[in-house]
Amino acid sequence: MLHFTKMQGLGNDYLYYYGMLEQPEDLAIRLSNRHFGVGSDGIITISPSEVADFKMRIFNADGSEAKMCGNGIRCVGKYVYDKGLTEKTNLTIETLSGIRTLQLAVENGKVTAATVDMGKVEVSEPRLLLAGTQPIACTPVSVGNPHTVQFVENAEAVPLRTVGAQLEHHPYFPEGVNAEFVQVIDRQTLRMRVWERGSGVTWACGTGACASAAAAVQKGCCDPEVWITVKLDGGDLKIFCRADGTVLMQGPAATVCECEVEP
């Protein structure tokens, strides 16, 4: 039997496994199914690292491997601390997007939240793309993984499943893309909904929140060097965009349950 810990950051839920898995891509497809599996946005494995405290790998619900997951990395910090794999509250985590640093918030011996240094976020010039027959102004952003940010008047009115899927598979993004739809509430508040590459609609996306805040700062809708609240379907994340282009992300991490499944 394989032992997994189901964890979530603002409803962005993954199955966490310490060690190496055989055929993690197939397992992610099978176990992520919310009717015939455990139900999750994918699988995240944790293992020792030669260049950091720990290493994480992310496998989406469709079996594809992601380079980075902002909500997932906070849960990695909670996993290794709560299970006694480290006593550090300042951790480095190796990802396919590079090494990220976490500062853990601990209450009564358990991690409740984490602040992550997400590194430099690169915001490109806006592009006008067709999603089906609809022209959409897209701002490509790299947070170590690819994003496209669309500013909209009403995030709730966006046909997320239709337009999100069209953008994910748009020829302009040959490796696929995470699509964020962002409504500016005020200079320190954004409302964001997301279609994640490889997983579809999710309740939250940490890297997407970073991309959205960075794009809003460049657009002049929000200010740098202040905490910006990004309101997601699963709750709020706090994003801090430094003047040098690096970004901090702050948010909760929670354990849902422990489970054992057949290989």
C-alpha atoms as a PDB file:
ATOM      1  CA  MET A   1       0.000   0.000   0.000  1.00  0.00           C
ATOM      2  CA  LEU A   2       1.101   3.565  -0.703  1.00  0.00           C
ATOM      3  CA  HIS A   3       0.610   6.125   2.058  1.00  0.00           C
ATOM      4  CA  PHE A   4      -0.465   9.619   0.997  1.00  0.00           C
ATOM      5  CA  THR A   5      -1.306  12.751   2.941  1.00  0.00           C
ATOM      6  CA  LYS A   6      -4.013  14.874   1.370  1.00  0.00           C
ATOM      7  CA  MET A   7      -3.314  18.582   1.933  1.00  0.00           C
ATOM      8  CA  GLN A   8      -4.738  21.827   0.618  1.00  0.00           C
ATOM      9  CA  GLY A   9      -3.836  25.481   0.296  1.00  0.00           C
ATOM     10  CA  LEU A  10      -7.010  27.523  -0.233  1.00  0.00           C
ATOM     11  CA  GLY A  11      -8.733  24.495  -1.749  1.00  0.00           C
ATOM     12  CA  ASN A  12      -5.879  23.748  -4.173  1.00  0.00           C
ATOM     13  CA  ASP A  13      -5.524  20.116  -3.028  1.00  0.00           C
ATOM     14  CA  TYR A  14      -2.838  17.530  -3.729  1.00  0.00           C
ATOM     15  CA  LEU A  15      -1.849  14.080  -2.530  1.00  0.00           C
ATOM     16  CA  TYR A  16       1.611  14.256  -0.912  1.00  0.00           C
ATOM     17  CA  TYR A  17       4.028  11.334  -0.867  1.00  0.00           C
ATOM     18  CA  TYR A  18       7.462  11.178   0.718  1.00  0.00           C
ATOM     19  CA  GLY A  19       9.853   9.221  -1.494  1.00  0.00           C
ATOM     20  CA  MET A  20       9.958   8.093  -5.099  1.00  0.00           C
ATOM     21  CA  LEU A  21       6.927   6.717  -6.932  1.00  0.00           C
ATOM     22  CA  GLU A  22       6.896   4.331  -9.857  1.00  0.00           C
ATOM     23  CA  GLN A  23       4.869   5.776 -12.735  1.00  0.00           C
ATOM     24  CA  PRO A  24       3.717   8.893 -10.839  1.00  0.00           C
ATOM     25  CA  GLU A  25       2.067  10.211 -14.008  1.00  0.00           C
ATOM     26  CA  ASP A  26      -0.345   7.245 -14.157  1.00  0.00           C
ATOM     27  CA  LEU A  27      -0.980   7.415 -10.422  1.00  0.00           C
ATOM     28  CA  ALA A  28      -1.812  11.120 -10.662  1.00  0.00           C
ATOM     29  CA  ILE A  29      -4.423  10.449 -13.346  1.00  0.00           C
ATOM     30  CA  ARG A  30      -5.994   7.579 -11.386  1.00  0.00           C
ATOM     31  CA  LEU A  31      -5.956   9.030  -7.883  1.00  0.00           C
ATOM     32  CA  SER A  32      -6.903  12.601  -8.824  1.00  0.00           C
ATOM     33  CA  ASN A  33     -10.263  11.484 -10.193  1.00  0.00           C
ATOM     34  CA  ARG A  34     -12.885  12.857  -7.803  1.00  0.00           C
ATOM     35  CA  HIS A  35     -15.357  10.032  -8.433  1.00  0.00           C
ATOM     36  CA  PHE A  36     -13.198   6.946  -8.924  1.00  0.00           C
ATOM     37  CA  GLY A  37     -10.027   8.021  -7.080  1.00  0.00           C
ATOM     38  CA  VAL A  38      -9.160   9.929  -3.925  1.00  0.00           C
ATOM     39  CA  GLY A  39      -9.807  13.289  -5.578  1.00  0.00           C
ATOM     40  CA  SER A  40      -7.153  15.987  -5.968  1.00  0.00           C
ATOM     41  CA  ASP A  41      -5.536  18.467  -8.336  1.00  0.00           C
ATOM     42  CA  GLY A  42      -2.598  16.057  -8.630  1.00  0.00           C
ATOM     43  CA  ILE A  43       0.255  14.391  -6.718  1.00  0.00           C
ATOM     44  CA  ILE A  44       3.286  16.083  -5.148  1.00  0.00           C
ATOM     45  CA  THR A  45       6.289  13.988  -4.141  1.00  0.00           C
ATOM     46  CA  ILE A  46       8.843  15.079  -1.543  1.00  0.00           C
ATOM     47  CA  SER A  47      12.374  13.724  -1.311  1.00  0.00           C
ATOM     48  CA  PRO A  48      15.850  14.682  -0.059  1.00  0.00           C
ATOM     49  CA  SER A  49      17.798  17.159  -2.187  1.00  0.00           C
ATOM     50  CA  GLU A  50      21.487  17.593  -2.900  1.00  0.00           C
ATOM     51  CA  VAL A  51      21.117  21.362  -3.322  1.00  0.00           C
ATOM     52  CA  ALA A  52      18.339  22.295  -0.856  1.00  0.00           C
ATOM     53  CA  ASP A  53      16.623  20.995   2.268  1.00  0.00           C
ATOM     54  CA  PHE A  54      14.047  19.050   0.233  1.00  0.00           C
ATOM     55  CA  LYS A  55      12.940  18.500  -3.352  1.00  0.00           C
ATOM     56  CA  MET A  56       9.383  18.566  -4.691  1.00  0.00           C
ATOM     57  CA  ARG A  57       7.892  17.279  -7.931  1.00  0.00           C
ATOM     58  CA  ILE A  58       4.376  18.111  -9.091  1.00  0.00           C
ATOM     59  CA  PHE A  59       2.202  15.870 -11.251  1.00  0.00           C
ATOM     60  CA  ASN A  60      -1.050  17.393 -12.460  1.00  0.00           C
ATOM     61  CA  ALA A  61      -4.394  15.612 -12.597  1.00  0.00           C
ATOM     62  CA  ASP A  62      -3.784  14.797 -16.287  1.00  0.00           C
ATOM     63  CA  GLY A  63      -0.379  13.226 -15.514  1.00  0.00           C
ATOM     64  CA  SER A  64       1.729  16.090 -16.860  1.00  0.00           C
ATOM     65  CA  GLU A  65       4.572  17.404 -14.688  1.00  0.00           C
ATOM     66  CA  ALA A  66       4.465  21.018 -13.518  1.00  0.00           C
ATOM     67  CA  LYS A  67       7.534  23.098 -12.744  1.00  0.00           C
ATOM     68  CA  MET A  68       6.172  24.927  -9.714  1.00  0.00           C
ATOM     69  CA  CYS A  69       3.113  25.156  -7.461  1.00  0.00           C
ATOM     70  CA  GLY A  70       2.757  28.044  -5.025  1.00  0.00           C
ATOM     71  CA  ASN A  71       0.012  26.497  -2.890  1.00  0.00           C
ATOM     72  CA  GLY A  72       1.732  23.129  -3.062  1.00  0.00           C
ATOM     73  CA  ILE A  73       5.101  24.370  -1.832  1.00  0.00           C
ATOM     74  CA  ARG A  74       3.514  25.824   1.310  1.00  0.00           C
ATOM     75  CA  CYS A  75       2.010  22.412   2.043  1.00  0.00           C
ATOM     76  CA  VAL A  76       5.422  20.801   1.462  1.00  0.00           C
ATOM     77  CA  GLY A  77       6.776  23.020   4.233  1.00  0.00           C
ATOM     78  CA  LYS A  78       3.950  21.963   6.542  1.00  0.00           C
ATOM     79  CA  TYR A  79       4.425  18.286   5.647  1.00  0.00           C
ATOM     80  CA  VAL A  80       8.138  18.096   6.453  1.00  0.00           C
ATOM     81  CA  TYR A  81       7.829  20.137   9.666  1.00  0.00           C
ATOM     82  CA  ASP A  82       4.679  18.543  11.071  1.00  0.00           C
ATOM     83  CA  LYS A  83       5.989  15.024  10.392  1.00  0.00           C
ATOM     84  CA  GLY A  84       9.297  15.730  12.125  1.00  0.00           C
ATOM     85  CA  LEU A  85      11.465  15.556   8.992  1.00  0.00           C
ATOM     86  CA  THR A  86      12.987  18.924   9.933  1.00  0.00           C
ATOM     87  CA  GLU A  87      13.061  21.330  12.846  1.00  0.00           C
ATOM     88  CA  LYS A  88      13.806  24.304  10.601  1.00  0.00           C
ATOM     89  CA  THR A  89      11.248  27.046  10.109  1.00  0.00           C
ATOM     90  CA  ASN A  90      13.284  28.572   7.280  1.00  0.00           C
ATOM     91  CA  LEU A  91      13.549  26.040   4.462  1.00  0.00           C
ATOM     92  CA  THR A  92      14.861  25.768   0.928  1.00  0.00           C
ATOM     93  CA  ILE A  93      12.924  23.625  -1.549  1.00  0.00           C
ATOM     94  CA  GLU A  94      14.265  22.436  -4.893  1.00  0.00           C
ATOM     95  CA  THR A  95      11.770  22.686  -7.769  1.00  0.00           C
ATOM     96  CA  LEU A  96      12.015  22.435 -11.547  1.00  0.00           C
ATOM     97  CA  SER A  97      11.831  26.253 -11.507  1.00  0.00           C
ATOM     98  CA  GLY A  98      14.798  26.564  -9.148  1.00  0.00           C
ATOM     99  CA  ILE A  99      15.251  26.762  -5.387  1.00  0.00           C
ATOM    100  CA  ARG A 100      12.570  28.551  -3.370  1.00  0.00           C
ATOM    101  CA  THR A 101      12.815  29.743   0.252  1.00  0.00           C
ATOM    102  CA  LEU A 102      10.007  29.274   2.790  1.00  0.00           C
ATOM    103  CA  GLN A 103       9.434  30.929   6.154  1.00  0.00           C
ATOM    104  CA  LEU A 104       7.031  28.786   8.180  1.00  0.00           C
ATOM    105  CA  ALA A 105       4.480  30.131  10.667  1.00  0.00           C
ATOM    106  CA  VAL A 106       4.076  27.646  13.545  1.00  0.00           C
ATOM    107  CA  GLU A 107       1.313  27.533  16.146  1.00  0.00           C
ATOM    108  CA  ASN A 108       1.117  24.855  18.872  1.00  0.00           C
ATOM    109  CA  GLY A 109       3.787  22.810  17.119  1.00  0.00           C
ATOM    110  CA  LYS A 110       2.048  22.771  13.731  1.00  0.00           C
ATOM    111  CA  VAL A 111       2.581  24.871  10.604  1.00  0.00           C
ATOM    112  CA  THR A 112      -0.441  27.017   9.769  1.00  0.00           C
ATOM    113  CA  ALA A 113       0.957  29.178   6.973  1.00  0.00           C
ATOM    114  CA  ALA A 114       4.092  30.025   5.035  1.00  0.00           C
ATOM    115  CA  THR A 115       5.706  32.931   3.236  1.00  0.00           C
ATOM    116  CA  VAL A 116       7.500  31.928   0.046  1.00  0.00           C
ATOM    117  CA  ASP A 117      10.134  33.879  -1.847  1.00  0.00           C
ATOM    118  CA  MET A 118       8.986  33.111  -5.384  1.00  0.00           C
ATOM    119  CA  GLY A 119      12.004  34.692  -7.060  1.00  0.00           C
ATOM    120  CA  LYS A 120      11.824  37.024 -10.051  1.00  0.00           C
ATOM    121  CA  VAL A 121       8.563  37.255 -11.978  1.00  0.00           C
ATOM    122  CA  GLU A 122       8.851  38.272 -15.639  1.00  0.00           C
ATOM    123  CA  VAL A 123       5.936  40.208 -17.136  1.00  0.00           C
ATOM    124  CA  SER A 124       5.849  40.476 -20.942  1.00  0.00           C
ATOM    125  CA  GLU A 125       4.060  42.952 -23.181  1.00  0.00           C
ATOM    126  CA  PRO A 126       0.302  42.337 -23.673  1.00  0.00           C
ATOM    127  CA  ARG A 127      -0.831  40.348 -26.705  1.00  0.00           C
ATOM    128  CA  LEU A 128      -4.184  40.179 -28.446  1.00  0.00           C
ATOM    129  CA  LEU A 129      -5.139  36.535 -28.958  1.00  0.00           C
ATOM    130  CA  LEU A 130      -8.247  34.776 -30.218  1.00  0.00           C
ATOM    131  CA  ALA A 131      -9.945  32.370 -27.828  1.00  0.00           C
ATOM    132  CA  GLY A 132     -12.323  30.709 -30.245  1.00  0.00           C
ATOM    133  CA  THR A 133     -13.672  33.778 -32.063  1.00  0.00           C
ATOM    134  CA  GLN A 134     -13.286  36.120 -29.090  1.00  0.00           C
ATOM    135  CA  PRO A 135     -10.272  38.494 -29.055  1.00  0.00           C
ATOM    136  CA  ILE A 136      -8.673  38.630 -25.599  1.00  0.00           C
ATOM    137  CA  ALA A 137      -5.917  40.932 -24.339  1.00  0.00           C
ATOM    138  CA  CYS A 138      -3.423  38.603 -22.633  1.00  0.00           C
ATOM    139  CA  THR A 139      -0.363  39.494 -20.573  1.00  0.00           C
ATOM    140  CA  PRO A 140       2.151  36.602 -20.614  1.00  0.00           C
ATOM    141  CA  VAL A 141       3.942  36.174 -17.289  1.00  0.00           C
ATOM    142  CA  SER A 142       6.619  33.723 -16.143  1.00  0.00           C
ATOM    143  CA  VAL A 143       6.763  32.658 -12.492  1.00  0.00           C
ATOM    144  CA  GLY A 144       9.096  29.812 -13.390  1.00  0.00           C
ATOM    145  CA  ASN A 145       6.010  28.342 -15.070  1.00  0.00           C
ATOM    146  CA  PRO A 146       3.901  29.980 -17.820  1.00  0.00           C
ATOM    147  CA  HIS A 147       0.868  32.190 -17.158  1.00  0.00           C
ATOM    148  CA  THR A 148      -1.387  34.491 -19.104  1.00  0.00           C
ATOM    149  CA  VAL A 149      -3.235  37.209 -17.192  1.00  0.00           C
ATOM    150  CA  GLN A 150      -6.473  38.686 -18.533  1.00  0.00           C
ATOM    151  CA  PHE A 151      -7.904  41.790 -16.848  1.00  0.00           C
ATOM    152  CA  VAL A 152     -11.706  41.705 -16.834  1.00  0.00           C
ATOM    153  CA  GLU A 153     -14.534  43.872 -15.498  1.00  0.00           C
ATOM    154  CA  ASN A 154     -16.234  40.984 -13.689  1.00  0.00           C
ATOM    155  CA  ALA A 155     -14.292  37.825 -12.843  1.00  0.00           C
ATOM    156  CA  GLU A 156     -17.480  35.989 -11.841  1.00  0.00           C
ATOM    157  CA  ALA A 157     -18.932  36.378 -15.342  1.00  0.00           C
ATOM    158  CA  VAL A 158     -15.994  34.746 -17.171  1.00  0.00           C
ATOM    159  CA  PRO A 159     -16.896  31.405 -18.842  1.00  0.00           C
ATOM    160  CA  LEU A 160     -13.839  29.868 -17.225  1.00  0.00           C
ATOM    161  CA  ARG A 161     -14.145  26.309 -18.507  1.00  0.00           C
ATOM    162  CA  THR A 162     -14.533  27.455 -22.107  1.00  0.00           C
ATOM    163  CA  VAL A 163     -12.066  30.327 -22.362  1.00  0.00           C
ATOM    164  CA  GLY A 164      -9.553  28.808 -19.938  1.00  0.00           C
ATOM    165  CA  ALA A 165      -9.306  25.597 -21.946  1.00  0.00           C
ATOM    166  CA  GLN A 166      -8.973  27.554 -25.205  1.00  0.00           C
ATOM    167  CA  LEU A 167      -6.109  29.620 -23.828  1.00  0.00           C
ATOM    168  CA  GLU A 168      -4.320  26.624 -22.282  1.00  0.00           C
ATOM    169  CA  HIS A 169      -4.105  24.986 -25.712  1.00  0.00           C
ATOM    170  CA  HIS A 170      -3.618  28.171 -27.763  1.00  0.00           C
ATOM    171  CA  PRO A 171      -0.845  27.869 -30.402  1.00  0.00           C
ATOM    172  CA  TYR A 172       0.844  30.941 -28.912  1.00  0.00           C
ATOM    173  CA  PHE A 173       1.629  28.798 -25.846  1.00  0.00           C
ATOM    174  CA  PRO A 174       3.108  25.606 -27.335  1.00  0.00           C
ATOM    175  CA  GLU A 175       3.752  24.102 -23.872  1.00  0.00           C
ATOM    176  CA  GLY A 176       0.349  25.131 -22.545  1.00  0.00           C
ATOM    177  CA  VAL A 177      -0.360  27.905 -20.064  1.00  0.00           C
ATOM    178  CA  ASN A 178      -2.147  28.714 -16.797  1.00  0.00           C
ATOM    179  CA  ALA A 179      -4.881  31.276 -17.446  1.00  0.00           C
ATOM    180  CA  GLU A 180      -5.860  33.887 -14.835  1.00  0.00           C
ATOM    181  CA  PHE A 181      -8.863  36.221 -15.105  1.00  0.00           C
ATOM    182  CA  VAL A 182      -8.371  39.231 -12.865  1.00  0.00           C
ATOM    183  CA  GLN A 183     -10.718  41.952 -11.687  1.00  0.00           C
ATOM    184  CA  VAL A 184      -9.138  44.996 -10.034  1.00  0.00           C
ATOM    185  CA  ILE A 185     -11.102  45.850  -6.873  1.00  0.00           C
ATOM    186  CA  ASP A 186      -8.755  48.597  -5.667  1.00  0.00           C
ATOM    187  CA  ARG A 187      -5.029  49.309  -5.594  1.00  0.00           C
ATOM    188  CA  GLN A 188      -4.396  46.637  -2.975  1.00  0.00           C
ATOM    189  CA  THR A 189      -7.083  44.081  -3.854  1.00  0.00           C
ATOM    190  CA  LEU A 190      -7.579  41.782  -6.842  1.00  0.00           C
ATOM    191  CA  ARG A 191     -10.217  39.145  -7.560  1.00  0.00           C
ATOM    192  CA  MET A 192      -8.792  36.218  -9.528  1.00  0.00           C
ATOM    193  CA  ARG A 193     -10.196  33.024 -11.026  1.00  0.00           C
ATOM    194  CA  VAL A 194      -7.972  30.454 -12.671  1.00  0.00           C
ATOM    195  CA  TRP A 195      -7.775  27.654 -15.203  1.00  0.00           C
ATOM    196  CA  GLU A 196      -4.661  25.632 -14.408  1.00  0.00           C
ATOM    197  CA  ARG A 197      -2.634  23.898 -17.069  1.00  0.00           C
ATOM    198  CA  GLY A 198      -3.144  20.151 -16.698  1.00  0.00           C
ATOM    199  CA  SER A 199      -5.800  20.407 -13.969  1.00  0.00           C
ATOM    200  CA  GLY A 200      -8.548  22.714 -15.259  1.00  0.00           C
ATOM    201  CA  VAL A 201     -10.554  24.910 -12.887  1.00  0.00           C
ATOM    202  CA  THR A 202      -9.021  25.014  -9.412  1.00  0.00           C
ATOM    203  CA  TRP A 203      -9.960  26.957  -6.307  1.00  0.00           C
ATOM    204  CA  ALA A 204      -6.591  28.660  -6.061  1.00  0.00           C
ATOM    205  CA  CYS A 205      -3.226  29.015  -7.793  1.00  0.00           C
ATOM    206  CA  GLY A 206      -0.285  30.487  -5.899  1.00  0.00           C
ATOM    207  CA  THR A 207       1.912  31.151  -8.902  1.00  0.00           C
ATOM    208  CA  GLY A 208      -1.144  32.555 -10.696  1.00  0.00           C
ATOM    209  CA  ALA A 209      -1.743  34.999  -7.843  1.00  0.00           C
ATOM    210  CA  CYS A 210       1.898  36.111  -8.115  1.00  0.00           C
ATOM    211  CA  ALA A 211       1.562  36.511 -11.889  1.00  0.00           C
ATOM    212  CA  SER A 212      -1.656  38.499 -11.488  1.00  0.00           C
ATOM    213  CA  ALA A 213      -0.223  40.867  -8.879  1.00  0.00           C
ATOM    214  CA  ALA A 214       2.975  41.426 -10.878  1.00  0.00           C
ATOM    215  CA  ALA A 215       0.959  42.138 -14.049  1.00  0.00           C
ATOM    216  CA  ALA A 216      -1.298  44.536 -12.112  1.00  0.00           C
ATOM    217  CA  VAL A 217       1.744  46.390 -10.770  1.00  0.00           C
ATOM    218  CA  GLN A 218       3.243  46.720 -14.242  1.00  0.00           C
ATOM    219  CA  LYS A 219      -0.107  47.880 -15.625  1.00  0.00           C
ATOM    220  CA  GLY A 220      -0.241  50.560 -12.918  1.00  0.00           C
ATOM    221  CA  CYS A 221      -3.358  49.172 -11.235  1.00  0.00           C
ATOM    222  CA  CYS A 222      -1.502  48.241  -8.027  1.00  0.00           C
ATOM    223  CA  ASP A 223       1.593  49.539  -6.271  1.00  0.00           C
ATOM    224  CA  PRO A 224       4.913  47.777  -5.639  1.00  0.00           C
ATOM    225  CA  GLU A 225       6.355  47.350  -2.148  1.00  0.00           C
ATOM    226  CA  VAL A 226       2.951  46.870  -0.484  1.00  0.00           C
ATOM    227  CA  TRP A 227       0.976  43.690   0.288  1.00  0.00           C
ATOM    228  CA  ILE A 228      -1.700  43.001  -2.309  1.00  0.00           C
ATOM    229  CA  THR A 229      -4.647  40.774  -1.408  1.00  0.00           C
ATOM    230  CA  VAL A 230      -5.602  38.358  -4.180  1.00  0.00           C
ATOM    231  CA  LYS A 231      -9.078  36.944  -3.586  1.00  0.00           C
ATOM    232  CA  LEU A 232      -9.449  33.415  -5.006  1.00  0.00           C
ATOM    233  CA  ASP A 233     -12.353  30.976  -4.986  1.00  0.00           C
ATOM    234  CA  GLY A 234     -10.702  29.181  -2.043  1.00  0.00           C
ATOM    235  CA  GLY A 235      -9.715  32.257  -0.013  1.00  0.00           C
ATOM    236  CA  ASP A 236      -7.111  35.033   0.065  1.00  0.00           C
ATOM    237  CA  LEU A 237      -3.401  35.117  -0.682  1.00  0.00           C
ATOM    238  CA  LYS A 238      -1.099  38.016   0.142  1.00  0.00           C
ATOM    239  CA  ILE A 239       1.402  39.004  -2.554  1.00  0.00           C
ATOM    240  CA  PHE A 240       4.287  41.474  -2.193  1.00  0.00           C
ATOM    241  CA  CYS A 241       5.921  42.694  -5.411  1.00  0.00           C
ATOM    242  CA  ARG A 242       9.348  44.177  -4.822  1.00  0.00           C
ATOM    243  CA  ALA A 243      10.713  46.930  -7.024  1.00  0.00           C
ATOM    244  CA  ASP A 244      13.397  44.550  -8.358  1.00  0.00           C
ATOM    245  CA  GLY A 245      10.757  42.182  -9.755  1.00  0.00           C
ATOM    246  CA  THR A 246      10.957  39.503  -7.062  1.00  0.00           C
ATOM    247  CA  VAL A 247       7.733  38.438  -5.387  1.00  0.00           C
ATOM    248  CA  LEU A 248       6.723  37.110  -1.953  1.00  0.00           C
ATOM    249  CA  MET A 249       3.618  34.962  -1.454  1.00  0.00           C
ATOM    250  CA  GLN A 250       1.945  34.416   1.918  1.00  0.00           C
ATOM    251  CA  GLY A 251      -0.886  31.980   2.602  1.00  0.00           C
ATOM    252  CA  PRO A 252      -2.220  29.048   4.647  1.00  0.00           C
ATOM    253  CA  ALA A 253      -1.520  25.315   4.450  1.00  0.00           C
ATOM    254  CA  ALA A 254      -3.729  22.580   5.915  1.00  0.00           C
ATOM    255  CA  THR A 255      -3.825  18.794   6.210  1.00  0.00           C
ATOM    256  CA  VAL A 256      -7.068  17.100   5.120  1.00  0.00           C
ATOM    257  CA  CYS A 257      -6.464  13.407   5.858  1.00  0.00           C
ATOM    258  CA  GLU A 258      -4.083  10.449   5.672  1.00  0.00           C
ATOM    259  CA  CYS A 259      -4.883   7.620   3.277  1.00  0.00           C
ATOM    260  CA  GLU A 260      -3.498   4.369   1.887  1.00  0.00           C
ATOM    261  CA  VAL A 261      -4.101   3.235  -1.674  1.00  0.00           C
ATOM    262  CA  GLU A 262      -3.126   0.262  -3.764  1.00  0.00           C
ATOM    263  CA  PRO A 263      -0.192   0.859  -6.160  1.00  0.00           C
END
